[in-house]
């Protein structure tokens, strides 16, 4: 019998960016529970499409050169590099990977190179004074960057009902992954399937 893992639900495209290794920090306005530090957790892709709307709008605008958006460009590039060709290709309502929650850093000021001064960290005191930000998170002062290491994508997304906050996921109770492929979700807002190319 497999031991249940602590799980956290993350909106797309961020859950897939973690699963593909592009996003190494999950940023939140609170620290994770200290007892989860150093433990393997499950990353669940939310069923909601709310966070895909900004990306959809950006794609509809044709990635306009007159109004570039570095965050959207970085997300589109990372998704294409991971093999996604359409927004609807990203799994939703499923666990997509597991990872070790290695540390958590409370963010301070960010310099002009994207380095974030760390004002507090979990666990211990041997961690760096700075971390490098990326375009996939909000590193504003007093937010937390949760460092995810040893990411292990699932062979197939495991359908699961997510929750707000922390919840428990049992890998041995996962539904048949064929169910996920049978219920292909519609594009955000009922729009056509948008290609990332």
C-alpha atoms as a PDB file:
ATOM      1  CA  UNK A   1       0.000   0.000   0.000  1.00  0.00           C
ATOM      2  CA  UNK A   2       1.313   3.422  -0.950  1.00  0.00           C
ATOM      3  CA  UNK A   3       1.518   6.116   1.713  1.00  0.00           C
ATOM      4  CA  UNK A   4      -0.699   9.162   0.977  1.00  0.00           C
ATOM      5  CA  UNK A   5       1.174  12.322  -0.012  1.00  0.00           C
ATOM      6  CA  UNK A   6       0.383  15.876   1.001  1.00  0.00           C
ATOM      7  CA  UNK A   7      -1.022  17.575  -2.101  1.00  0.00           C
ATOM      8  CA  UNK A   8      -1.451  21.159  -3.236  1.00  0.00           C
ATOM      9  CA  UNK A   9      -3.656  22.341  -6.100  1.00  0.00           C
ATOM     10  CA  UNK A  10      -2.068  24.785  -8.562  1.00  0.00           C
ATOM     11  CA  UNK A  11      -3.736  26.501 -11.497  1.00  0.00           C
ATOM     12  CA  UNK A  12      -2.596  25.909 -15.050  1.00  0.00           C
ATOM     13  CA  UNK A  13      -0.272  26.624 -16.756  1.00  0.00           C
ATOM     14  CA  UNK A  14       1.819  26.642 -13.561  1.00  0.00           C
ATOM     15  CA  UNK A  15       1.216  22.992 -12.568  1.00  0.00           C
ATOM     16  CA  UNK A  16       2.450  21.824 -15.982  1.00  0.00           C
ATOM     17  CA  UNK A  17       5.412  24.200 -15.799  1.00  0.00           C
ATOM     18  CA  UNK A  18       6.394  22.526 -12.501  1.00  0.00           C
ATOM     19  CA  UNK A  19       5.912  19.038 -13.970  1.00  0.00           C
ATOM     20  CA  UNK A  20       8.162  19.867 -16.931  1.00  0.00           C
ATOM     21  CA  UNK A  21      10.896  21.370 -14.742  1.00  0.00           C
ATOM     22  CA  UNK A  22      10.537  24.931 -16.043  1.00  0.00           C
ATOM     23  CA  UNK A  23       9.149  26.313 -12.764  1.00  0.00           C
ATOM     24  CA  UNK A  24      11.210  25.449  -9.668  1.00  0.00           C
ATOM     25  CA  UNK A  25       9.473  27.775  -7.196  1.00  0.00           C
ATOM     26  CA  UNK A  26       5.794  27.880  -6.278  1.00  0.00           C
ATOM     27  CA  UNK A  27       5.118  31.385  -4.976  1.00  0.00           C
ATOM     28  CA  UNK A  28       2.440  32.016  -2.374  1.00  0.00           C
ATOM     29  CA  UNK A  29       1.595  34.700   0.168  1.00  0.00           C
ATOM     30  CA  UNK A  30       2.157  32.252   3.046  1.00  0.00           C
ATOM     31  CA  UNK A  31       4.806  29.676   3.999  1.00  0.00           C
ATOM     32  CA  UNK A  32       4.158  25.947   3.677  1.00  0.00           C
ATOM     33  CA  UNK A  33       3.686  23.952   6.873  1.00  0.00           C
ATOM     34  CA  UNK A  34       7.151  23.397   8.361  1.00  0.00           C
ATOM     35  CA  UNK A  35       6.485  19.652   8.705  1.00  0.00           C
ATOM     36  CA  UNK A  36       6.162  19.348   4.898  1.00  0.00           C
ATOM     37  CA  UNK A  37       9.686  20.713   4.288  1.00  0.00           C
ATOM     38  CA  UNK A  38      11.930  17.917   3.020  1.00  0.00           C
ATOM     39  CA  UNK A  39       8.978  15.689   2.123  1.00  0.00           C
ATOM     40  CA  UNK A  40       7.577  14.579  -1.213  1.00  0.00           C
ATOM     41  CA  UNK A  41       4.327  16.305  -2.164  1.00  0.00           C
ATOM     42  CA  UNK A  42       1.837  15.878  -5.012  1.00  0.00           C
ATOM     43  CA  UNK A  43       1.237  18.702  -7.499  1.00  0.00           C
ATOM     44  CA  UNK A  44      -2.382  18.815  -8.662  1.00  0.00           C
ATOM     45  CA  UNK A  45      -3.507  20.832 -11.705  1.00  0.00           C
ATOM     46  CA  UNK A  46      -6.718  22.702 -10.895  1.00  0.00           C
ATOM     47  CA  UNK A  47      -9.776  22.090 -12.990  1.00  0.00           C
ATOM     48  CA  UNK A  48     -10.392  25.845 -13.301  1.00  0.00           C
ATOM     49  CA  UNK A  49      -9.357  27.717 -16.431  1.00  0.00           C
ATOM     50  CA  UNK A  50      -9.270  31.188 -14.842  1.00  0.00           C
ATOM     51  CA  UNK A  51      -5.471  31.503 -14.980  1.00  0.00           C
ATOM     52  CA  UNK A  52      -5.422  30.439 -18.621  1.00  0.00           C
ATOM     53  CA  UNK A  53      -7.561  33.428 -19.618  1.00  0.00           C
ATOM     54  CA  UNK A  54      -4.692  35.943 -19.528  1.00  0.00           C
ATOM     55  CA  UNK A  55      -2.594  33.624 -21.682  1.00  0.00           C
ATOM     56  CA  UNK A  56      -5.518  33.010 -24.021  1.00  0.00           C
ATOM     57  CA  UNK A  57      -6.070  36.760 -24.424  1.00  0.00           C
ATOM     58  CA  UNK A  58      -2.390  37.231 -25.137  1.00  0.00           C
ATOM     59  CA  UNK A  59      -2.413  34.487 -27.765  1.00  0.00           C
ATOM     60  CA  UNK A  60      -5.537  35.941 -29.381  1.00  0.00           C
ATOM     61  CA  UNK A  61      -3.755  39.286 -29.647  1.00  0.00           C
ATOM     62  CA  UNK A  62      -1.159  37.494 -31.792  1.00  0.00           C
ATOM     63  CA  UNK A  63       1.759  37.929 -29.390  1.00  0.00           C
ATOM     64  CA  UNK A  64       1.841  41.526 -30.548  1.00  0.00           C
ATOM     65  CA  UNK A  65       5.312  42.999 -30.835  1.00  0.00           C
ATOM     66  CA  UNK A  66       3.949  46.461 -30.033  1.00  0.00           C
ATOM     67  CA  UNK A  67       2.800  45.254 -26.585  1.00  0.00           C
ATOM     68  CA  UNK A  68       5.218  42.483 -25.590  1.00  0.00           C
ATOM     69  CA  UNK A  69       4.613  40.644 -22.337  1.00  0.00           C
ATOM     70  CA  UNK A  70       7.756  38.901 -21.084  1.00  0.00           C
ATOM     71  CA  UNK A  71       5.837  36.620 -18.718  1.00  0.00           C
ATOM     72  CA  UNK A  72       3.474  35.381 -21.444  1.00  0.00           C
ATOM     73  CA  UNK A  73       6.359  34.947 -23.868  1.00  0.00           C
ATOM     74  CA  UNK A  74       8.268  32.883 -21.287  1.00  0.00           C
ATOM     75  CA  UNK A  75       5.218  30.728 -20.527  1.00  0.00           C
ATOM     76  CA  UNK A  76       4.464  30.092 -24.210  1.00  0.00           C
ATOM     77  CA  UNK A  77       8.118  29.200 -24.885  1.00  0.00           C
ATOM     78  CA  UNK A  78       8.296  26.828 -21.899  1.00  0.00           C
ATOM     79  CA  UNK A  79       5.040  25.113 -22.856  1.00  0.00           C
ATOM     80  CA  UNK A  80       6.155  24.680 -26.466  1.00  0.00           C
ATOM     81  CA  UNK A  81       9.521  23.301 -25.287  1.00  0.00           C
ATOM     82  CA  UNK A  82       7.609  20.792 -23.131  1.00  0.00           C
ATOM     83  CA  UNK A  83       5.649  19.579 -26.158  1.00  0.00           C
ATOM     84  CA  UNK A  84       2.310  21.316 -25.602  1.00  0.00           C
ATOM     85  CA  UNK A  85       0.807  22.640 -28.819  1.00  0.00           C
ATOM     86  CA  UNK A  86      -2.573  23.868 -27.526  1.00  0.00           C
ATOM     87  CA  UNK A  87      -3.850  25.294 -24.255  1.00  0.00           C
ATOM     88  CA  UNK A  88      -6.341  22.452 -23.924  1.00  0.00           C
ATOM     89  CA  UNK A  89      -3.482  19.929 -24.008  1.00  0.00           C
ATOM     90  CA  UNK A  90      -2.624  20.804 -20.413  1.00  0.00           C
ATOM     91  CA  UNK A  91      -4.223  18.401 -17.941  1.00  0.00           C
ATOM     92  CA  UNK A  92      -6.750  19.812 -15.480  1.00  0.00           C
ATOM     93  CA  UNK A  93      -8.338  18.197 -12.457  1.00  0.00           C
ATOM     94  CA  UNK A  94      -5.436  15.755 -12.080  1.00  0.00           C
ATOM     95  CA  UNK A  95      -2.188  15.156 -10.213  1.00  0.00           C
ATOM     96  CA  UNK A  96       0.598  15.776 -12.742  1.00  0.00           C
ATOM     97  CA  UNK A  97       3.774  15.169 -10.715  1.00  0.00           C
ATOM     98  CA  UNK A  98       5.352  14.802  -7.314  1.00  0.00           C
ATOM     99  CA  UNK A  99       8.268  16.826  -5.955  1.00  0.00           C
ATOM    100  CA  UNK A 100      10.273  17.287  -2.790  1.00  0.00           C
ATOM    101  CA  UNK A 101       9.388  20.541  -1.028  1.00  0.00           C
ATOM    102  CA  UNK A 102      13.037  21.318  -0.248  1.00  0.00           C
ATOM    103  CA  UNK A 103      12.785  24.779   1.317  1.00  0.00           C
ATOM    104  CA  UNK A 104      10.734  27.958   1.488  1.00  0.00           C
ATOM    105  CA  UNK A 105      12.046  31.516   1.257  1.00  0.00           C
ATOM    106  CA  UNK A 106      10.310  34.712   2.309  1.00  0.00           C
ATOM    107  CA  UNK A 107      11.027  37.299  -0.367  1.00  0.00           C
ATOM    108  CA  UNK A 108      12.425  40.746   0.219  1.00  0.00           C
ATOM    109  CA  UNK A 109      13.576  43.307  -2.326  1.00  0.00           C
ATOM    110  CA  UNK A 110      14.321  42.251  -5.902  1.00  0.00           C
ATOM    111  CA  UNK A 111      17.359  43.753  -7.655  1.00  0.00           C
ATOM    112  CA  UNK A 112      17.548  44.698 -11.340  1.00  0.00           C
ATOM    113  CA  UNK A 113      18.989  41.265 -12.274  1.00  0.00           C
ATOM    114  CA  UNK A 114      16.038  39.387 -10.780  1.00  0.00           C
ATOM    115  CA  UNK A 115      17.825  38.310  -7.600  1.00  0.00           C
ATOM    116  CA  UNK A 116      15.468  38.204  -4.631  1.00  0.00           C
ATOM    117  CA  UNK A 117      16.819  39.031  -1.180  1.00  0.00           C
ATOM    118  CA  UNK A 118      15.684  36.343   1.275  1.00  0.00           C
ATOM    119  CA  UNK A 119      14.479  37.699   4.632  1.00  0.00           C
ATOM    120  CA  UNK A 120      13.598  34.325   6.196  1.00  0.00           C
ATOM    121  CA  UNK A 121      13.809  30.689   5.185  1.00  0.00           C
ATOM    122  CA  UNK A 122      12.610  27.249   6.216  1.00  0.00           C
ATOM    123  CA  UNK A 123      14.391  25.113   7.377  1.00  0.00           C
ATOM    124  CA  UNK A 124      17.570  26.213   9.098  1.00  0.00           C
ATOM    125  CA  UNK A 125      19.978  28.992   8.332  1.00  0.00           C
ATOM    126  CA  UNK A 126      22.421  27.559   5.786  1.00  0.00           C
ATOM    127  CA  UNK A 127      20.434  28.602   2.727  1.00  0.00           C
ATOM    128  CA  UNK A 128      21.399  31.431   0.336  1.00  0.00           C
ATOM    129  CA  UNK A 129      20.727  35.084   1.052  1.00  0.00           C
ATOM    130  CA  UNK A 130      19.478  35.487  -2.510  1.00  0.00           C
ATOM    131  CA  UNK A 131      17.418  33.346  -4.878  1.00  0.00           C
ATOM    132  CA  UNK A 132      16.920  33.916  -8.601  1.00  0.00           C
ATOM    133  CA  UNK A 133      13.410  34.882  -9.659  1.00  0.00           C
ATOM    134  CA  UNK A 134      11.801  33.606 -12.838  1.00  0.00           C
ATOM    135  CA  UNK A 135       8.855  34.749 -14.990  1.00  0.00           C
ATOM    136  CA  UNK A 136       6.576  32.064 -13.525  1.00  0.00           C
ATOM    137  CA  UNK A 137       5.979  33.488 -10.058  1.00  0.00           C
ATOM    138  CA  UNK A 138       5.242  36.580  -7.987  1.00  0.00           C
ATOM    139  CA  UNK A 139       8.346  37.404  -5.944  1.00  0.00           C
ATOM    140  CA  UNK A 140       7.001  40.582  -4.332  1.00  0.00           C
ATOM    141  CA  UNK A 141       8.258  41.415  -0.828  1.00  0.00           C
ATOM    142  CA  UNK A 142       6.794  39.265   1.970  1.00  0.00           C
ATOM    143  CA  UNK A 143       5.627  36.531  -0.424  1.00  0.00           C
ATOM    144  CA  UNK A 144       7.084  33.031  -0.140  1.00  0.00           C
ATOM    145  CA  UNK A 145       8.964  31.019  -2.782  1.00  0.00           C
ATOM    146  CA  UNK A 146       8.655  27.276  -2.175  1.00  0.00           C
ATOM    147  CA  UNK A 147      11.633  25.417  -3.680  1.00  0.00           C
ATOM    148  CA  UNK A 148      10.611  22.197  -5.457  1.00  0.00           C
ATOM    149  CA  UNK A 149      13.299  19.596  -6.190  1.00  0.00           C
ATOM    150  CA  UNK A 150      13.424  16.069  -7.579  1.00  0.00           C
ATOM    151  CA  UNK A 151      10.297  16.602  -9.671  1.00  0.00           C
ATOM    152  CA  UNK A 152       8.863  13.311 -10.917  1.00  0.00           C
ATOM    153  CA  UNK A 153       6.140  13.674 -13.568  1.00  0.00           C
ATOM    154  CA  UNK A 154       3.474  10.973 -13.558  1.00  0.00           C
ATOM    155  CA  UNK A 155       3.427   8.689 -16.600  1.00  0.00           C
ATOM    156  CA  UNK A 156      -0.163   9.856 -17.111  1.00  0.00           C
ATOM    157  CA  UNK A 157      -2.083  12.542 -15.183  1.00  0.00           C
ATOM    158  CA  UNK A 158      -4.072  10.978 -12.330  1.00  0.00           C
ATOM    159  CA  UNK A 159      -7.602  12.413 -12.117  1.00  0.00           C
ATOM    160  CA  UNK A 160      -8.315  13.707  -8.623  1.00  0.00           C
ATOM    161  CA  UNK A 161     -10.577  16.224  -6.970  1.00  0.00           C
ATOM    162  CA  UNK A 162      -8.449  19.079  -5.694  1.00  0.00           C
ATOM    163  CA  UNK A 163      -9.101  21.335  -2.739  1.00  0.00           C
ATOM    164  CA  UNK A 164      -8.006  24.688  -1.432  1.00  0.00           C
ATOM    165  CA  UNK A 165      -5.090  24.408   0.949  1.00  0.00           C
ATOM    166  CA  UNK A 166      -3.342  21.142   1.708  1.00  0.00           C
ATOM    167  CA  UNK A 167      -5.059  17.802   1.194  1.00  0.00           C
ATOM    168  CA  UNK A 168      -4.042  14.151   1.020  1.00  0.00           C
ATOM    169  CA  UNK A 169      -3.581  12.225  -2.245  1.00  0.00           C
ATOM    170  CA  UNK A 170      -3.273   8.433  -2.303  1.00  0.00           C
ATOM    171  CA  UNK A 171      -1.415   7.265  -5.419  1.00  0.00           C
ATOM    172  CA  UNK A 172      -2.819   3.740  -5.084  1.00  0.00           C
ATOM    173  CA  UNK A 173      -6.379   5.096  -5.251  1.00  0.00           C
ATOM    174  CA  UNK A 174      -5.877   7.045  -8.464  1.00  0.00           C
ATOM    175  CA  UNK A 175      -8.469   6.594 -11.159  1.00  0.00           C
ATOM    176  CA  UNK A 176      -7.705   4.921 -14.437  1.00  0.00           C
ATOM    177  CA  UNK A 177      -5.740   7.477 -16.470  1.00  0.00           C
ATOM    178  CA  UNK A 178      -7.839   6.528 -19.504  1.00  0.00           C
ATOM    179  CA  UNK A 179     -10.712   8.465 -17.930  1.00  0.00           C
ATOM    180  CA  UNK A 180      -8.740  11.683 -18.263  1.00  0.00           C
ATOM    181  CA  UNK A 181      -8.145  11.207 -21.983  1.00  0.00           C
ATOM    182  CA  UNK A 182     -11.829  10.424 -22.539  1.00  0.00           C
ATOM    183  CA  UNK A 183     -13.030  13.711 -21.063  1.00  0.00           C
ATOM    184  CA  UNK A 184     -11.016  16.195 -23.039  1.00  0.00           C
ATOM    185  CA  UNK A 185     -11.718  19.653 -21.562  1.00  0.00           C
ATOM    186  CA  UNK A 186     -12.923  22.550 -23.624  1.00  0.00           C
ATOM    187  CA  UNK A 187     -10.784  25.622 -24.137  1.00  0.00           C
ATOM    188  CA  UNK A 188     -11.068  28.446 -21.614  1.00  0.00           C
ATOM    189  CA  UNK A 189     -14.280  30.425 -22.031  1.00  0.00           C
ATOM    190  CA  UNK A 190     -15.475  28.083 -24.771  1.00  0.00           C
ATOM    191  CA  UNK A 191     -13.055  29.660 -27.253  1.00  0.00           C
ATOM    192  CA  UNK A 192     -11.463  27.643 -30.039  1.00  0.00           C
ATOM    193  CA  UNK A 193      -8.461  25.496 -29.169  1.00  0.00           C
ATOM    194  CA  UNK A 194      -5.629  28.000 -29.275  1.00  0.00           C
ATOM    195  CA  UNK A 195      -2.350  26.880 -30.728  1.00  0.00           C
ATOM    196  CA  UNK A 196       0.851  27.996 -29.039  1.00  0.00           C
ATOM    197  CA  UNK A 197       2.696  28.208 -32.351  1.00  0.00           C
END
